[in-house]
Structures are given as C-alpha cells and as structure tokens.
C-alpha cells in the first residue's frame, strides 16, 4: 500500500484532475490511498465569502459553485455528481447565512467554513475515478479516523488517531478500493471540524502513511523533487537524489518549498520513506526522504534562504557569571508568543532571529531592563545543508565567498541536528550569496563563481547605498 498526496494546483481544474487520475491509475497495483487539498484557490474563495457574510451581510458562493460545477461538466460526470455536491453547497450557504445574521466568525466557524474545499474536492475526484473504471470512494477525514484537539485553525492530532486510521482505511485499501481522503481537516472529541494548520494536507497524508505502515508516501509537486537551490534564483539547480528527514526538515524550515517540518514527524516516527515527485514530469525519479543514507554524502546537498527576518542582539555585561540570564530572555519571548528561529549565545549576550511579523516594542522594553537590546530588521538567513563531517571545510568556503562578495556575516548558527549551517546577512545580499555558494559547491571554482555572478559588484553597490 502507498499514500499519494496531491495539492490544490494538481486538482485545480478538469484537465489537472484527468492528469492526476492517470497517475493514480498507473499505481493501482500498489493499492493507493489518495489525499487531496481543496481545488485551486477554493480556500481563498471560501474565506472571502466568510468575510463578505461577516462584514457586508452578503451570502454568496458563486465562485466556489462555478469552479466545481464547471469541473463536473468538463469531466462529463453528469447530474449524479452535481446532486452529490448539492447537500454540501446547501450546508455552506446555511453556514454563511448564520455568519451574516450573527455577524460573528470565530476560529471554530472558520475551520468549518474552509473544510468545504477539501470535502468538495474529494467527491469530484472520486466520482471521476469511478467514471473511468476505478473502484474509488470519497472519505472525509473524520470517517478516516482523524481525531484532533480543539485548537482551531492549528489543531494537533490525538494519539488515538494512530489506532483509528488503520482501522478505517487499511482493509478497504487491501481490497483494492481507492479511498480519496480529505487532507488538512479533522474533528475534535465534540465533533467540531478542525483544521491542522500550515502543512496540514501533507500532515494528513503522512499520518495515513505512517499509521497504516505504507510502503511509502508520495508527495506530488510541480518540481522534480528537492532541488539543490530555488530554481527561480539558481537556474542550474538540480534534483537531490535522497536526503534524511532531518535535512528535509531543515530545508523546509529555512525556506525551501518542500514539506512543512510538522508533516514529516509521523513518517520519522515509523521510518516510512517519503518521495517528492513531479506531477508534470512523471519520468523524473524525485527525491527520497529517508531515515538514513547508505551512500556517501556530497559535501553540500542543498542551499536555501529565508528573507524578511529580524535579528535581535541582547547584551548584558551585568549578567557575567550569574545564572538566569537565558531564562529571563526566553521567558520574555514566550510571554509574548514569539517563536525564535536561530540562536547564538555567549555568557553575556544572545543573538536571535525572529519572523519580521512580530511586534517587538513591548518585549524590547522588558528586555531593556536587564540588557542592551539592538533590533535589526531587513535580514535574511542563508542555510547550507551538508555533510557534518566536513563542516570546517563548508564554513571555510562559505566565509571565503562572503569575503569575495564583501558581505558582512552578522550571525552564525549550526543546528542541533548538525546537518545545517546558517548565516545571517542583509536581505539584499541573500540571493547573490545563494548563487555564489551554489556555484562554489556544485559547479565551478570559487573565484570563477563570483566572477560569473557579478555578485561582488552588485553587493558593493548595495552596501554603498546603505552607507549613504
């Protein structure tokens, strides 16, 4: 048995659904369970409808209805499929009417609202699979054993789900029934619909694969797997054959659009392999994400970056030799619900990176009572995933690249997993850094790489502008 997950762009219209059906059909001998996101921009359209009901008292689902009805017609599914969606669309209209009358849209109601995207999606795809002769069935997540807590918009799955999911899905899969399951959603103990937050559909698929002890989880994207860099920045980026769970998690956390780190946790728990494949290029082998690699690691596997980061330096010589400094700093961030990305510490100072969306006025006021606080916005994290046995060489070549580009490294951190080395630079230096590092580690000698990118000249210009 395998689990196949397709995102919203993969089922955005009739043409894409036909393509997905062909992919599923080619894997029928491996007893697939299919996990889907909402079609295209349906989630956004549902949220817009909720806002219109809340703020303007308007109840309309035209954009949602038009997309799904048109898709049914284009797939030539007929009146039976249309009637199959009618109860859900009526339920959606009643929900929006309730929002318009009460002028209230809570987190619980919002989860209920967006759940219609996945519920409509699986019914259309299951109907189309059935129309081409595949024994398929649409399954809502709660009927597949997905039980969560009541933390609406970012719920966590209950431990019971590990037992319930295989009880619900394993037997039908073995009988050859292709179950098309809603990703992203679940229900709590009180039967309220919940959503699993960022990466929720991938998490749903990973949970099914791990709990049912599937051969592998296939995540179908629009790229040939995990690449050595963002292809929009580095045209020479190439697919990585295999990475560990830890490396994939670090790549995702620091900017690569692969899998959300949460989504890999179930597969890490059971050692279930994950394969990232390209739905537009079926011949590409994709990237395997596994517990450990049997072949020798390359010096660097991939390079990624994340912009719009805030760097906070906290320095207090008064705390030299005294305990409790770190505790006070971290407690302050925790009180304001601030999540820290990277940390570098000494006995009297701490440097941390944070998402730029946080309001740091009050935390800075509290921390200034025990230390000097310097907040630097407009920073970026450049992360190198590589062979920890050669971290000294990676660092040496990275710093040499920075020197040639005239880039000031403002913070350095090596993750506890020891698979990543991250540096903080200015936002406008990040992309040139990635290009130069990629050429350094994957293509040419370092000086040639700098010359070809023209990075030094561009970065000098940027630095001059900042000085002015």
Protein backbone atom coordinates (compact mmCIF):
# COMPACT_ATOMS: atom_id res chain seq x y z
CA UNK A 1 0.00 0.00 0.00
CA UNK A 2 1.15 3.55 -0.77
CA UNK A 3 -0.24 7.01 0.00
CA UNK A 4 -0.36 9.64 -2.76
CA UNK A 5 -0.86 13.30 -1.87
CA UNK A 6 -1.84 15.96 -4.44
CA UNK A 7 -2.05 19.68 -3.66
CA UNK A 8 -4.56 22.26 -4.81
CA UNK A 9 -2.77 23.12 -8.06
CA UNK A 10 -2.76 19.45 -9.04
CA UNK A 11 -6.58 19.31 -8.90
CA UNK A 12 -7.26 22.92 -9.92
CA UNK A 13 -9.46 22.07 -12.91
CA UNK A 14 -10.74 19.24 -15.09
CA UNK A 15 -7.52 18.97 -17.11
CA UNK A 16 -5.40 18.60 -13.98
CA UNK A 17 -7.82 16.07 -12.44
CA UNK A 18 -7.61 13.93 -15.58
CA UNK A 19 -3.84 14.02 -15.27
CA UNK A 20 -3.95 13.05 -11.59
CA UNK A 21 -6.30 10.19 -12.45
CA UNK A 22 -3.75 8.83 -14.95
CA UNK A 23 -1.05 8.96 -12.29
CA UNK A 24 -3.25 7.15 -9.76
CA UNK A 25 -4.21 4.60 -12.41
CA UNK A 26 -0.54 3.80 -13.04
CA UNK A 27 -0.11 2.88 -9.35
CA UNK A 28 -3.23 0.75 -8.86
CA UNK A 29 -1.16 -2.39 -8.32
CA UNK A 30 0.33 -0.75 -5.20
CA UNK A 31 -3.06 -0.18 -3.51
CA UNK A 32 -3.01 3.64 -3.29
CA UNK A 33 -4.80 5.85 -0.80
CA UNK A 34 -5.16 9.36 -2.27
CA UNK A 35 -5.09 12.52 -0.14
CA UNK A 36 -6.24 15.83 -1.64
CA UNK A 37 -6.24 19.53 -0.92
CA UNK A 38 -9.03 21.89 -1.99
CA UNK A 39 -9.21 22.71 -5.70
CA UNK A 40 -7.09 25.66 -6.81
CA UNK A 41 -8.00 28.86 -4.93
CA UNK A 42 -11.12 27.44 -3.29
CA UNK A 43 -9.88 28.01 0.27
CA UNK A 44 -9.28 31.70 -0.51
CA UNK A 45 -12.73 31.97 -2.09
CA UNK A 46 -14.35 30.43 0.99
CA UNK A 47 -12.56 32.87 3.29
CA UNK A 48 -13.63 35.77 1.05
CA UNK A 49 -17.24 34.54 1.23
CA UNK A 50 -16.94 34.41 5.03
CA UNK A 51 -15.64 37.98 5.15
CA UNK A 52 -18.48 39.17 2.88
CA UNK A 53 -21.06 37.50 5.14
CA UNK A 54 -19.44 38.93 8.26
CA UNK A 55 -18.82 42.49 7.14
CA UNK A 56 -21.47 43.10 4.47
CA UNK A 57 -24.18 40.60 5.30
CA UNK A 58 -23.84 39.07 1.83
CA UNK A 59 -24.37 35.36 1.27
CA UNK A 60 -22.98 34.06 -2.00
CA UNK A 61 -20.89 31.08 -3.05
CA UNK A 62 -20.80 31.86 -6.76
CA UNK A 63 -17.05 31.46 -7.24
CA UNK A 64 -17.00 28.15 -5.38
CA UNK A 65 -20.05 26.82 -7.19
CA UNK A 66 -18.85 27.98 -10.62
CA UNK A 67 -15.48 26.24 -10.32
CA UNK A 68 -16.87 22.94 -9.08
CA UNK A 69 -19.89 22.85 -11.40
CA UNK A 70 -17.73 23.72 -14.41
CA UNK A 71 -15.26 20.99 -13.46
CA UNK A 72 -18.05 18.42 -13.22
CA UNK A 73 -19.36 19.44 -16.64
CA UNK A 74 -15.87 19.42 -18.19
CA UNK A 75 -15.28 15.93 -16.77
CA UNK A 76 -18.66 14.86 -18.17
CA UNK A 77 -19.75 13.44 -14.81
CA UNK A 78 -23.40 14.31 -15.27
CA UNK A 79 -26.28 15.07 -12.92
CA UNK A 80 -25.39 12.38 -10.37
CA UNK A 81 -22.14 14.17 -9.47
CA UNK A 82 -23.94 17.54 -9.38
CA UNK A 83 -26.55 16.14 -7.00
CA UNK A 84 -23.73 14.72 -4.88
CA UNK A 85 -22.39 18.21 -4.25
CA UNK A 86 -25.76 19.86 -3.62
CA UNK A 87 -26.09 18.92 0.10
CA UNK A 88 -22.62 20.32 0.81
CA UNK A 89 -23.28 23.57 -1.05
CA UNK A 90 -26.61 23.99 0.76
CA UNK A 91 -24.82 23.41 4.08
CA UNK A 92 -22.23 26.02 3.07
CA UNK A 93 -24.94 28.58 2.22
CA UNK A 94 -26.64 27.97 5.58
CA UNK A 95 -23.34 28.49 7.38
CA UNK A 96 -22.74 31.78 5.57
CA UNK A 97 -26.29 32.86 6.37
CA UNK A 98 -25.59 32.20 10.05
CA UNK A 99 -22.41 34.27 9.87
CA UNK A 100 -24.27 37.14 8.19
CA UNK A 101 -27.04 37.13 10.84
CA UNK A 102 -24.81 36.83 13.91
CA UNK A 103 -22.00 38.97 12.45
CA UNK A 104 -19.59 36.58 14.08
CA UNK A 105 -16.81 34.47 12.56
CA UNK A 106 -14.91 32.57 15.25
CA UNK A 107 -11.90 30.32 14.72
CA UNK A 108 -14.20 27.32 15.11
CA UNK A 109 -16.57 28.64 12.43
CA UNK A 110 -13.66 29.49 10.15
CA UNK A 111 -12.43 25.88 10.32
CA UNK A 112 -15.93 24.68 9.49
CA UNK A 113 -16.05 27.14 6.58
CA UNK A 114 -12.76 26.20 4.90
CA UNK A 115 -13.42 22.45 5.31
CA UNK A 116 -15.84 22.61 2.37
CA UNK A 117 -12.92 22.97 -0.04
CA UNK A 118 -11.45 19.55 0.69
CA UNK A 119 -14.88 17.93 1.05
CA UNK A 120 -15.95 19.11 -2.42
CA UNK A 121 -12.59 18.22 -3.96
CA UNK A 122 -12.55 14.55 -2.91
CA UNK A 123 -16.11 13.98 -4.12
CA UNK A 124 -15.36 15.24 -7.61
CA UNK A 125 -12.09 13.33 -7.95
CA UNK A 126 -13.59 10.10 -6.56
CA UNK A 127 -16.50 10.45 -8.99
CA UNK A 128 -14.14 10.92 -11.92
CA UNK A 129 -12.00 7.93 -10.90
CA UNK A 130 -15.17 5.84 -10.74
CA UNK A 131 -16.22 7.10 -14.19
CA UNK A 132 -13.04 5.66 -15.75
CA UNK A 133 -13.47 2.29 -14.11
CA UNK A 134 -11.54 2.68 -10.86
CA UNK A 135 -13.20 1.45 -7.66
CA UNK A 136 -12.96 4.76 -5.79
CA UNK A 137 -14.65 6.24 -2.74
CA UNK A 138 -14.60 9.75 -1.21
CA UNK A 139 -13.78 9.76 2.51
CA UNK A 140 -13.99 12.70 4.93
CA UNK A 141 -11.10 12.82 7.40
CA UNK A 142 -13.27 12.11 10.46
CA UNK A 143 -14.52 8.95 8.77
CA UNK A 144 -10.88 8.01 8.21
CA UNK A 145 -10.01 8.16 11.91
CA UNK A 146 -8.66 11.71 12.16
CA UNK A 147 -9.29 12.89 15.72
CA UNK A 148 -7.77 16.16 16.94
CA UNK A 149 -7.70 18.53 19.88
CA UNK A 150 -9.84 21.69 19.83
CA UNK A 151 -7.08 24.14 18.94
CA UNK A 152 -8.99 25.59 15.99
CA UNK A 153 -7.01 26.69 12.89
CA UNK A 154 -3.91 24.80 14.08
CA UNK A 155 -5.16 21.60 15.69
CA UNK A 156 -2.92 18.68 16.63
CA UNK A 157 -3.92 15.09 16.01
CA UNK A 158 -4.76 12.96 19.04
CA UNK A 159 -2.73 9.86 19.83
CA UNK A 160 -5.90 7.82 19.25
CA UNK A 161 -5.63 8.64 15.55
CA UNK A 162 -2.71 6.22 15.26
CA UNK A 163 -5.11 3.37 16.07
CA UNK A 164 -8.25 4.71 14.38
CA UNK A 165 -6.75 5.49 10.96
CA UNK A 166 -5.56 1.97 10.07
CA UNK A 167 -8.80 0.53 11.46
CA UNK A 168 -10.76 2.68 8.99
CA UNK A 169 -8.51 2.67 5.90
CA UNK A 170 -6.29 -0.44 5.76
CA UNK A 171 -8.92 -3.09 4.98
CA UNK A 172 -10.62 -1.20 2.10
CA UNK A 173 -7.20 -0.42 0.60
CA UNK A 174 -6.23 -4.09 0.65
CA UNK A 175 -9.49 -4.91 -1.16
CA UNK A 176 -8.47 -2.54 -3.96
CA UNK A 177 -10.76 0.37 -3.10
CA UNK A 178 -9.05 3.67 -3.88
CA UNK A 179 -10.04 5.90 -0.95
CA UNK A 180 -9.85 9.60 -1.76
CA UNK A 181 -9.38 11.30 1.63
CA UNK A 182 -9.67 14.96 2.59
CA UNK A 183 -6.39 16.47 3.72
CA UNK A 184 -6.00 19.33 6.21
CA UNK A 185 -9.15 18.68 8.30
CA UNK A 186 -10.25 16.56 11.29
CA UNK A 187 -12.81 16.58 14.10
CA UNK A 188 -12.35 17.01 17.84
CA UNK A 189 -13.96 14.93 20.61
CA UNK A 190 -17.11 17.09 20.42
CA UNK A 191 -17.43 16.51 16.65
CA UNK A 192 -16.37 20.08 15.77
CA UNK A 193 -14.47 20.35 12.49
CA UNK A 194 -10.87 21.47 12.94
CA UNK A 195 -8.01 22.29 10.56
CA UNK A 196 -4.42 21.18 11.03
CA UNK A 197 -2.71 24.48 10.22
CA UNK A 198 0.25 25.08 7.93
CA UNK A 199 1.26 21.97 6.00
CA UNK A 200 -1.97 20.32 7.15
CA UNK A 201 -2.65 18.33 3.97
CA UNK A 202 0.88 16.97 3.91
CA UNK A 203 0.49 16.08 7.59
CA UNK A 204 -2.76 14.22 6.82
CA UNK A 205 -1.04 12.17 4.14
CA UNK A 206 1.99 11.48 6.32
CA UNK A 207 -0.23 10.38 9.18
CA UNK A 208 -2.08 7.89 6.96
CA UNK A 209 1.19 6.54 5.54
CA UNK A 210 2.80 6.15 8.95
CA UNK A 211 -0.23 4.78 10.83
CA UNK A 212 -1.07 2.28 8.07
CA UNK A 213 2.60 1.30 7.69
CA UNK A 214 2.53 2.11 3.98
CA UNK A 215 5.47 1.28 1.70
CA UNK A 216 5.96 4.98 1.07
CA UNK A 217 4.31 8.38 0.99
CA UNK A 218 4.37 10.09 -2.40
CA UNK A 219 4.01 13.89 -2.36
CA UNK A 220 3.32 15.16 -5.87
CA UNK A 221 4.57 18.69 -6.59
CA UNK A 222 5.43 20.76 -9.67
CA UNK A 223 9.22 20.30 -9.38
CA UNK A 224 11.49 17.27 -9.84
CA UNK A 225 11.84 16.69 -6.11
CA UNK A 226 14.00 18.60 -3.64
CA UNK A 227 16.44 20.80 -5.55
CA UNK A 228 19.92 22.00 -4.66
CA UNK A 229 18.55 25.58 -4.59
CA UNK A 230 15.47 27.58 -5.52
CA UNK A 231 15.28 27.25 -9.35
CA UNK A 232 13.81 30.76 -9.56
CA UNK A 233 17.12 32.07 -8.19
CA UNK A 234 19.59 29.44 -9.42
CA UNK A 235 18.77 28.21 -12.91
CA UNK A 236 21.38 25.44 -12.61
CA UNK A 237 19.66 23.92 -9.55
CA UNK A 238 19.33 20.16 -9.86
CA UNK A 239 17.35 17.48 -8.00
CA UNK A 240 18.78 15.80 -4.93
CA UNK A 241 18.52 12.01 -5.12
CA UNK A 242 17.97 11.42 -1.41
CA UNK A 243 18.05 13.30 1.92
CA UNK A 244 17.39 12.42 5.53
CA UNK A 245 14.28 13.51 7.43
CA UNK A 246 16.42 15.96 9.42
CA UNK A 247 17.89 17.56 6.30
CA UNK A 248 14.46 17.87 4.66
CA UNK A 249 13.04 19.43 7.84
CA UNK A 250 15.83 21.99 7.98
CA UNK A 251 15.38 22.84 4.29
CA UNK A 252 11.65 23.34 4.75
CA UNK A 253 12.07 25.40 7.91
CA UNK A 254 14.59 27.74 6.31
CA UNK A 255 12.66 28.49 3.14
CA UNK A 256 12.55 25.55 0.72
CA UNK A 257 9.03 24.82 -0.53
CA UNK A 258 9.14 21.08 0.06
CA UNK A 259 7.25 19.72 3.06
CA UNK A 260 6.39 21.51 6.27
CA UNK A 261 8.58 20.12 9.09
CA UNK A 262 5.44 19.06 11.03
CA UNK A 263 4.36 16.90 8.12
CA UNK A 264 7.41 14.68 8.37
CA UNK A 265 7.01 13.85 12.06
CA UNK A 266 4.70 10.82 11.62
CA UNK A 267 6.97 9.27 8.98
CA UNK A 268 10.03 9.93 11.13
CA UNK A 269 8.31 8.06 13.97
CA UNK A 270 7.81 4.92 11.87
CA UNK A 271 10.65 5.23 9.35
CA UNK A 272 8.23 5.49 6.43
CA UNK A 273 10.01 6.75 3.27
CA UNK A 274 8.71 9.93 1.63
CA UNK A 275 9.15 10.51 -2.12
CA UNK A 276 8.73 14.01 -3.57
CA UNK A 277 7.74 13.64 -7.23
CA UNK A 278 6.79 15.93 -10.12
CA UNK A 279 3.26 15.53 -11.44
CA UNK A 280 4.33 17.37 -14.62
CA UNK A 281 7.36 15.12 -15.24
CA UNK A 282 6.46 11.52 -14.49
CA UNK A 283 9.83 10.18 -15.65
CA UNK A 284 11.74 12.11 -13.00
CA UNK A 285 12.69 9.79 -10.10
CA UNK A 286 12.08 12.50 -7.50
CA UNK A 287 13.77 12.80 -4.12
CA UNK A 288 13.55 10.13 -1.42
CA UNK A 289 13.41 11.30 2.20
CA UNK A 290 14.60 8.52 4.50
CA UNK A 291 15.84 7.83 7.99
CA UNK A 292 19.49 7.47 6.98
CA UNK A 293 21.52 7.43 3.77
CA UNK A 294 23.50 4.41 2.68
CA UNK A 295 25.56 6.19 0.06
CA UNK A 296 28.30 8.73 0.73
CA UNK A 297 27.05 12.27 1.28
CA UNK A 298 28.14 15.06 -1.02
CA UNK A 299 29.84 17.94 0.75
CA UNK A 300 26.70 20.10 0.36
CA UNK A 301 23.28 18.77 -0.55
CA UNK A 302 21.27 21.97 -0.88
CA UNK A 303 21.25 25.70 -0.15
CA UNK A 304 18.19 27.70 0.79
CA UNK A 305 17.35 31.10 2.25
CA UNK A 306 14.60 32.98 4.02
CA UNK A 307 14.15 36.75 3.76
CA UNK A 308 12.30 39.27 5.93
CA UNK A 309 13.92 38.21 9.19
CA UNK A 310 14.63 40.35 12.26
CA UNK A 311 17.92 39.97 14.13
CA UNK A 312 17.89 40.87 17.84
CA UNK A 313 21.15 41.28 19.77
CA UNK A 314 20.78 41.20 23.59
CA UNK A 315 23.91 42.09 25.56
CA UNK A 316 24.34 42.45 29.33
CA UNK A 317 27.78 42.52 30.98
CA UNK A 318 25.98 42.70 34.35
CA UNK A 319 24.97 39.05 33.91
CA UNK A 320 28.56 37.77 33.71
CA UNK A 321 28.84 34.71 35.93
CA UNK A 322 25.20 34.92 37.05
CA UNK A 323 22.57 32.29 36.37
CA UNK A 324 19.13 33.06 34.98
CA UNK A 325 20.01 35.40 32.10
CA UNK A 326 18.96 32.99 29.36
CA UNK A 327 15.86 32.01 31.29
CA UNK A 328 14.73 35.63 31.60
CA UNK A 329 15.25 36.28 27.89
CA UNK A 330 13.40 33.18 26.70
CA UNK A 331 10.60 33.67 29.23
CA UNK A 332 10.06 37.19 27.88
CA UNK A 333 9.71 35.94 24.31
CA UNK A 334 7.40 33.14 25.46
CA UNK A 335 5.09 35.57 27.29
CA UNK A 336 4.53 37.47 24.05
CA UNK A 337 4.07 34.32 21.97
CA UNK A 338 7.25 34.89 19.95
CA UNK A 339 8.88 31.90 18.29
CA UNK A 340 12.67 32.04 17.87
CA UNK A 341 14.25 30.75 14.66
CA UNK A 342 18.01 30.78 15.31
CA UNK A 343 20.12 31.37 18.42
CA UNK A 344 23.77 32.22 19.06
CA UNK A 345 24.88 32.73 22.65
CA UNK A 346 27.77 33.63 24.92
CA UNK A 347 27.80 34.12 28.68
CA UNK A 348 26.70 37.77 28.44
CA UNK A 349 24.97 38.01 25.08
CA UNK A 350 22.34 36.36 22.93
CA UNK A 351 21.56 36.87 19.27
CA UNK A 352 18.26 35.52 17.94
CA UNK A 353 16.39 35.71 14.67
CA UNK A 354 12.62 36.18 14.53
CA UNK A 355 9.96 36.46 11.88
CA UNK A 356 9.56 40.11 10.88
CA UNK A 357 5.81 39.99 11.56
CA UNK A 358 6.29 40.18 15.35
CA UNK A 359 5.72 43.48 17.16
CA UNK A 360 8.81 43.79 19.36
CA UNK A 361 8.04 47.08 21.11
CA UNK A 362 6.87 45.61 24.44
CA UNK A 363 9.33 42.68 24.53
CA UNK A 364 12.18 45.11 23.84
CA UNK A 365 11.00 47.34 26.71
CA UNK A 366 11.04 44.39 29.13
CA UNK A 367 14.41 43.07 27.95
CA UNK A 368 15.98 46.55 28.17
CA UNK A 369 15.60 46.31 31.95
CA UNK A 370 18.25 43.57 32.05
CA UNK A 371 20.28 44.17 28.87
CA UNK A 372 21.03 46.38 25.90
CA UNK A 373 18.73 45.43 23.04
CA UNK A 374 19.56 46.10 19.39
CA UNK A 375 16.88 45.24 16.81
CA UNK A 376 17.96 44.92 13.17
CA UNK A 377 15.29 44.45 10.53
CA UNK A 378 15.66 43.52 6.86
CA UNK A 379 17.88 40.50 7.39
CA UNK A 380 17.95 37.09 5.69
CA UNK A 381 19.02 33.59 6.75
CA UNK A 382 21.10 31.62 4.24
CA UNK A 383 21.20 27.93 5.15
CA UNK A 384 23.56 25.24 3.86
CA UNK A 385 22.58 21.60 4.28
CA UNK A 386 25.65 19.39 4.10
CA UNK A 387 27.91 16.68 5.45
CA UNK A 388 28.61 17.44 9.12
CA UNK A 389 31.85 15.50 8.96
CA UNK A 390 33.23 18.32 6.79
CA UNK A 391 31.64 21.33 8.49
CA UNK A 392 35.03 23.09 8.79
CA UNK A 393 35.52 22.97 5.03
CA UNK A 394 31.95 24.15 4.41
CA UNK A 395 32.45 27.07 6.80
CA UNK A 396 35.81 28.00 5.29
CA UNK A 397 34.44 28.08 1.75
CA UNK A 398 31.32 29.93 2.87
CA UNK A 399 33.30 32.65 4.64
CA UNK A 400 35.63 32.94 1.65
CA UNK A 401 32.56 33.51 -0.54
CA UNK A 402 31.36 36.20 1.87
CA UNK A 403 34.76 37.84 1.78
CA UNK A 404 34.86 37.96 -2.02
CA UNK A 405 31.30 39.30 -2.16
CA UNK A 406 32.09 41.89 0.54
CA UNK A 407 29.20 40.50 2.59
CA UNK A 408 29.20 41.01 6.35
CA UNK A 409 28.16 37.88 8.26
CA UNK A 410 26.06 39.12 11.18
CA UNK A 411 25.36 35.79 12.90
CA UNK A 412 26.34 32.13 12.50
CA UNK A 413 24.48 29.11 13.85
CA UNK A 414 24.76 25.35 13.47
CA UNK A 415 21.57 23.43 14.23
CA UNK A 416 21.38 20.74 16.89
CA UNK A 417 20.77 18.16 14.14
CA UNK A 418 24.24 19.13 12.83
CA UNK A 419 23.05 18.97 9.22
CA UNK A 420 22.77 22.73 8.68
CA UNK A 421 24.96 25.79 8.90
CA UNK A 422 23.10 29.10 8.76
CA UNK A 423 24.37 32.65 8.42
CA UNK A 424 22.55 35.97 8.69
CA UNK A 425 23.15 38.64 6.05
CA UNK A 426 21.26 41.66 4.75
CA UNK A 427 18.12 40.94 2.73
CA UNK A 428 19.52 42.40 -0.48
CA UNK A 429 22.62 40.19 -0.26
CA UNK A 430 20.89 36.83 0.18
CA UNK A 431 20.16 35.90 -3.44
CA UNK A 432 23.68 36.70 -4.66
CA UNK A 433 25.04 34.69 -1.74
CA UNK A 434 22.94 31.68 -2.73
CA UNK A 435 24.01 31.94 -6.38
CA UNK A 436 27.70 32.20 -5.49
CA UNK A 437 27.57 29.42 -2.90
CA UNK A 438 25.75 27.13 -5.33
CA UNK A 439 28.42 27.65 -7.98
CA UNK A 440 31.09 27.19 -5.34
CA UNK A 441 29.78 23.87 -4.04
CA UNK A 442 28.06 22.42 -7.11
CA UNK A 443 29.72 23.73 -10.26
CA UNK A 444 32.88 25.77 -10.53
CA UNK A 445 35.82 27.03 -8.57
CA UNK A 446 35.01 29.75 -6.11
CA UNK A 447 36.62 32.72 -7.87
CA UNK A 448 35.03 31.79 -11.18
CA UNK A 449 31.68 31.59 -9.45
CA UNK A 450 31.99 35.09 -8.05
CA UNK A 451 33.08 36.45 -11.40
CA UNK A 452 30.18 34.80 -13.26
CA UNK A 453 27.50 36.00 -10.85
CA UNK A 454 28.81 39.54 -10.80
CA UNK A 455 27.85 39.34 -7.17
CA UNK A 456 30.69 41.37 -5.74
CA UNK A 457 29.92 44.41 -7.85
CA UNK A 458 26.18 44.25 -7.11
CA UNK A 459 26.74 43.79 -3.40
CA UNK A 460 29.27 46.64 -3.26
CA UNK A 461 26.65 48.91 -4.84
CA UNK A 462 24.04 47.79 -2.31
CA UNK A 463 26.47 48.39 0.54
CA UNK A 464 27.28 51.86 -0.75
CA UNK A 465 23.60 52.72 -0.87
CA UNK A 466 23.12 51.62 2.75
CA UNK A 467 26.07 53.77 3.89
CA UNK A 468 24.50 56.81 2.22
